[in-house]
Amino acid sequence: MTYLRREGLKKLKEELERRKGLRPEISQKIQEAKTLGDLAENAEYHEALSVQSFNEGRIMELEEILRQAQLI
């Protein structure tokens, strides 16, 4: 269980919405990077995948925190 104040809860919800809003942009970067050539040696593609992975991991983390949050 995570105890949060109203301000902390609001910040986490805002971050979650912001990160969800990044999904289309990240997806677009992945699609653009795919057009640049061989994926095995495509640094832009691997960077975009890394950003996507971090963003999705943070979304899952925030959702879990908010699911267990208790307002104090």
C-alpha atoms as a PDB file:
ATOM      1  CA  MET A   1       0.000   0.000   0.000  1.00  0.00           C
ATOM      2  CA  THR A   2       1.226   3.480  -0.884  1.00  0.00           C
ATOM      3  CA  TYR A   3       0.162   6.508   1.120  1.00  0.00           C
ATOM      4  CA  LEU A   4      -0.127   9.732  -0.827  1.00  0.00           C
ATOM      5  CA  ARG A   5      -1.262  13.266  -0.218  1.00  0.00           C
ATOM      6  CA  ARG A   6      -3.629  14.934  -2.658  1.00  0.00           C
ATOM      7  CA  GLU A   7      -0.769  16.781  -4.369  1.00  0.00           C
ATOM      8  CA  GLY A   8       1.260  13.607  -4.808  1.00  0.00           C
ATOM      9  CA  LEU A   9      -1.722  11.719  -6.164  1.00  0.00           C
ATOM     10  CA  LYS A  10      -2.445  14.516  -8.620  1.00  0.00           C
ATOM     11  CA  LYS A  11       1.173  14.566  -9.844  1.00  0.00           C
ATOM     12  CA  LEU A  12       1.205  10.819 -10.426  1.00  0.00           C
ATOM     13  CA  LYS A  13      -2.085  10.937 -12.326  1.00  0.00           C
ATOM     14  CA  GLU A  14      -0.769  13.802 -14.473  1.00  0.00           C
ATOM     15  CA  GLU A  15       2.438  11.905 -15.229  1.00  0.00           C
ATOM     16  CA  LEU A  16       0.421   8.820 -16.169  1.00  0.00           C
ATOM     17  CA  GLU A  17      -1.725  10.788 -18.607  1.00  0.00           C
ATOM     18  CA  ARG A  18       1.339  12.522 -20.073  1.00  0.00           C
ATOM     19  CA  ARG A  19       3.107   9.205 -20.613  1.00  0.00           C
ATOM     20  CA  LYS A  20       0.022   7.664 -22.216  1.00  0.00           C
ATOM     21  CA  GLY A  21      -0.090  10.689 -24.492  1.00  0.00           C
ATOM     22  CA  LEU A  22       3.478   9.957 -25.636  1.00  0.00           C
ATOM     23  CA  ARG A  23       2.507   6.584 -27.095  1.00  0.00           C
ATOM     24  CA  PRO A  24       1.516   7.863 -30.580  1.00  0.00           C
ATOM     25  CA  GLU A  25       4.667   9.995 -30.837  1.00  0.00           C
ATOM     26  CA  ILE A  26       6.918   7.094 -29.856  1.00  0.00           C
ATOM     27  CA  SER A  27       5.116   4.786 -32.253  1.00  0.00           C
ATOM     28  CA  GLN A  28       5.622   7.301 -35.046  1.00  0.00           C
ATOM     29  CA  LYS A  29       9.363   7.488 -34.279  1.00  0.00           C
ATOM     30  CA  ILE A  30       9.591   3.694 -34.475  1.00  0.00           C
ATOM     31  CA  GLN A  31       7.797   3.668 -37.826  1.00  0.00           C
ATOM     32  CA  GLU A  32      10.067   6.407 -39.187  1.00  0.00           C
ATOM     33  CA  ALA A  33      13.182   4.611 -37.955  1.00  0.00           C
ATOM     34  CA  LYS A  34      12.083   1.394 -39.695  1.00  0.00           C
ATOM     35  CA  THR A  35      12.296   3.177 -43.030  1.00  0.00           C
ATOM     36  CA  LEU A  36      15.962   4.068 -42.483  1.00  0.00           C
ATOM     37  CA  GLY A  37      17.272   0.647 -43.399  1.00  0.00           C
ATOM     38  CA  ASP A  38      18.602  -2.505 -41.770  1.00  0.00           C
ATOM     39  CA  LEU A  39      17.047  -2.787 -38.308  1.00  0.00           C
ATOM     40  CA  ALA A  40      20.020  -4.696 -36.904  1.00  0.00           C
ATOM     41  CA  GLU A  41      22.286  -1.679 -37.345  1.00  0.00           C
ATOM     42  CA  ASN A  42      19.684   1.065 -37.013  1.00  0.00           C
ATOM     43  CA  ALA A  43      20.534   3.146 -33.930  1.00  0.00           C
ATOM     44  CA  GLU A  44      17.430   5.326 -34.255  1.00  0.00           C
ATOM     45  CA  TYR A  45      15.200   2.251 -34.259  1.00  0.00           C
ATOM     46  CA  HIS A  46      16.859   0.751 -31.184  1.00  0.00           C
ATOM     47  CA  GLU A  47      16.707   4.072 -29.349  1.00  0.00           C
ATOM     48  CA  ALA A  48      13.005   4.448 -30.132  1.00  0.00           C
ATOM     49  CA  LEU A  49      12.361   0.905 -28.868  1.00  0.00           C
ATOM     50  CA  SER A  50      14.290   1.715 -25.699  1.00  0.00           C
ATOM     51  CA  VAL A  51      12.232   4.864 -25.128  1.00  0.00           C
ATOM     52  CA  GLN A  52       9.042   2.889 -25.729  1.00  0.00           C
ATOM     53  CA  SER A  53      10.107   0.182 -23.297  1.00  0.00           C
ATOM     54  CA  PHE A  54      10.961   2.704 -20.570  1.00  0.00           C
ATOM     55  CA  ASN A  55       7.703   4.609 -21.106  1.00  0.00           C
ATOM     56  CA  GLU A  56       5.562   1.458 -20.970  1.00  0.00           C
ATOM     57  CA  GLY A  57       7.391   0.262 -17.857  1.00  0.00           C
ATOM     58  CA  ARG A  58       6.762   3.582 -16.142  1.00  0.00           C
ATOM     59  CA  ILE A  59       3.077   3.468 -17.132  1.00  0.00           C
ATOM     60  CA  MET A  60       2.731   0.029 -15.549  1.00  0.00           C
ATOM     61  CA  GLU A  61       4.556   1.242 -12.438  1.00  0.00           C
ATOM     62  CA  LEU A  62       2.330   4.320 -12.102  1.00  0.00           C
ATOM     63  CA  GLU A  63      -0.837   2.284 -12.606  1.00  0.00           C
ATOM     64  CA  GLU A  64       0.233  -0.109  -9.860  1.00  0.00           C
ATOM     65  CA  ILE A  65       1.087   2.735  -7.468  1.00  0.00           C
ATOM     66  CA  LEU A  66      -2.269   4.379  -8.116  1.00  0.00           C
ATOM     67  CA  ARG A  67      -4.113   1.074  -7.743  1.00  0.00           C
ATOM     68  CA  GLN A  68      -2.642   0.622  -4.256  1.00  0.00           C
ATOM     69  CA  ALA A  69      -2.704   4.279  -3.185  1.00  0.00           C
ATOM     70  CA  GLN A  70      -4.360   5.439  -0.015  1.00  0.00           C
ATOM     71  CA  LEU A  71      -5.079   9.139   0.338  1.00  0.00           C
ATOM     72  CA  ILE A  72      -3.891  10.671   3.613  1.00  0.00           C
END
